[in-house]
């Protein structure tokens, strides 16, 4: 992943967090918003880790 991709992902993640904060300020459910953010992050991290393992396995073979 290049530097541009990292910056793009960071900007998307920040924008999503700001939307969650705004929703909470406007009476949204704190638990739901934080769980949604956590799930999005976990899914993204899991995808990146799986890709890393696939790449490491290919290099080994």
C-alpha atoms as a PDB file:
ATOM      1  CA  UNK A   1       0.000   0.000   0.000  1.00  0.00           C
ATOM      2  CA  UNK A   2       1.434   3.329  -1.034  1.00  0.00           C
ATOM      3  CA  UNK A   3       1.523   6.557   0.907  1.00  0.00           C
ATOM      4  CA  UNK A   4      -1.366   8.001  -1.118  1.00  0.00           C
ATOM      5  CA  UNK A   5      -3.533   4.983  -0.288  1.00  0.00           C
ATOM      6  CA  UNK A   6      -2.705   5.306   3.420  1.00  0.00           C
ATOM      7  CA  UNK A   7      -3.638   8.970   3.391  1.00  0.00           C
ATOM      8  CA  UNK A   8      -6.891   8.232   1.563  1.00  0.00           C
ATOM      9  CA  UNK A   9      -7.844   5.529   4.071  1.00  0.00           C
ATOM     10  CA  UNK A  10      -6.941   7.763   7.008  1.00  0.00           C
ATOM     11  CA  UNK A  11      -9.076  10.576   5.588  1.00  0.00           C
ATOM     12  CA  UNK A  12     -12.013   8.188   5.072  1.00  0.00           C
ATOM     13  CA  UNK A  13     -11.660   6.822   8.597  1.00  0.00           C
ATOM     14  CA  UNK A  14     -11.511  10.325  10.064  1.00  0.00           C
ATOM     15  CA  UNK A  15     -14.565  11.425   8.075  1.00  0.00           C
ATOM     16  CA  UNK A  16     -16.499   8.368   9.284  1.00  0.00           C
ATOM     17  CA  UNK A  17     -15.519   9.071  12.896  1.00  0.00           C
ATOM     18  CA  UNK A  18     -16.620  12.690  12.564  1.00  0.00           C
ATOM     19  CA  UNK A  19     -19.977  11.568  11.135  1.00  0.00           C
ATOM     20  CA  UNK A  20     -20.397   9.217  14.098  1.00  0.00           C
ATOM     21  CA  UNK A  21     -19.633  12.022  16.548  1.00  0.00           C
ATOM     22  CA  UNK A  22     -22.122  14.287  14.816  1.00  0.00           C
ATOM     23  CA  UNK A  23     -24.774  11.563  14.951  1.00  0.00           C
ATOM     24  CA  UNK A  24     -24.136  11.062  18.675  1.00  0.00           C
ATOM     25  CA  UNK A  25     -24.354  14.817  19.316  1.00  0.00           C
ATOM     26  CA  UNK A  26     -27.694  14.835  17.498  1.00  0.00           C
ATOM     27  CA  UNK A  27     -29.133  12.154  19.759  1.00  0.00           C
ATOM     28  CA  UNK A  28     -27.797   9.037  18.062  1.00  0.00           C
ATOM     29  CA  UNK A  29     -27.092   5.832  19.931  1.00  0.00           C
ATOM     30  CA  UNK A  30     -23.557   5.948  21.382  1.00  0.00           C
ATOM     31  CA  UNK A  31     -23.290   2.165  21.595  1.00  0.00           C
ATOM     32  CA  UNK A  32     -24.422   1.596  18.022  1.00  0.00           C
ATOM     33  CA  UNK A  33     -22.141   4.262  16.565  1.00  0.00           C
ATOM     34  CA  UNK A  34     -19.069   3.053  18.437  1.00  0.00           C
ATOM     35  CA  UNK A  35     -19.817  -0.576  17.593  1.00  0.00           C
ATOM     36  CA  UNK A  36     -20.212   0.319  13.914  1.00  0.00           C
ATOM     37  CA  UNK A  37     -16.875   2.174  13.931  1.00  0.00           C
ATOM     38  CA  UNK A  38     -15.182  -0.703  15.712  1.00  0.00           C
ATOM     39  CA  UNK A  39     -16.589  -3.262  13.284  1.00  0.00           C
ATOM     40  CA  UNK A  40     -15.498  -1.227  10.263  1.00  0.00           C
ATOM     41  CA  UNK A  41     -11.975  -0.947  11.661  1.00  0.00           C
ATOM     42  CA  UNK A  42     -11.811  -4.649  12.569  1.00  0.00           C
ATOM     43  CA  UNK A  43     -13.052  -5.685   9.122  1.00  0.00           C
ATOM     44  CA  UNK A  44     -10.483  -3.454   7.441  1.00  0.00           C
ATOM     45  CA  UNK A  45      -7.665  -4.707   9.635  1.00  0.00           C
ATOM     46  CA  UNK A  46      -8.684  -8.329   9.086  1.00  0.00           C
ATOM     47  CA  UNK A  47      -8.636  -7.817   5.327  1.00  0.00           C
ATOM     48  CA  UNK A  48      -5.155  -6.277   5.452  1.00  0.00           C
ATOM     49  CA  UNK A  49      -3.782  -9.041   7.701  1.00  0.00           C
ATOM     50  CA  UNK A  50      -5.236 -11.746   5.433  1.00  0.00           C
ATOM     51  CA  UNK A  51      -3.651 -10.078   2.395  1.00  0.00           C
ATOM     52  CA  UNK A  52      -0.309  -9.942   4.195  1.00  0.00           C
ATOM     53  CA  UNK A  53      -0.497 -13.662   5.031  1.00  0.00           C
ATOM     54  CA  UNK A  54      -1.393 -14.525   1.432  1.00  0.00           C
ATOM     55  CA  UNK A  55       1.590 -12.522   0.212  1.00  0.00           C
ATOM     56  CA  UNK A  56       3.921 -14.109   2.768  1.00  0.00           C
ATOM     57  CA  UNK A  57       2.740 -17.579   1.787  1.00  0.00           C
ATOM     58  CA  UNK A  58       3.328 -16.866  -1.909  1.00  0.00           C
ATOM     59  CA  UNK A  59       6.867 -15.663  -1.197  1.00  0.00           C
ATOM     60  CA  UNK A  60       7.537 -18.837   0.796  1.00  0.00           C
ATOM     61  CA  UNK A  61       6.414 -21.152  -2.048  1.00  0.00           C
END
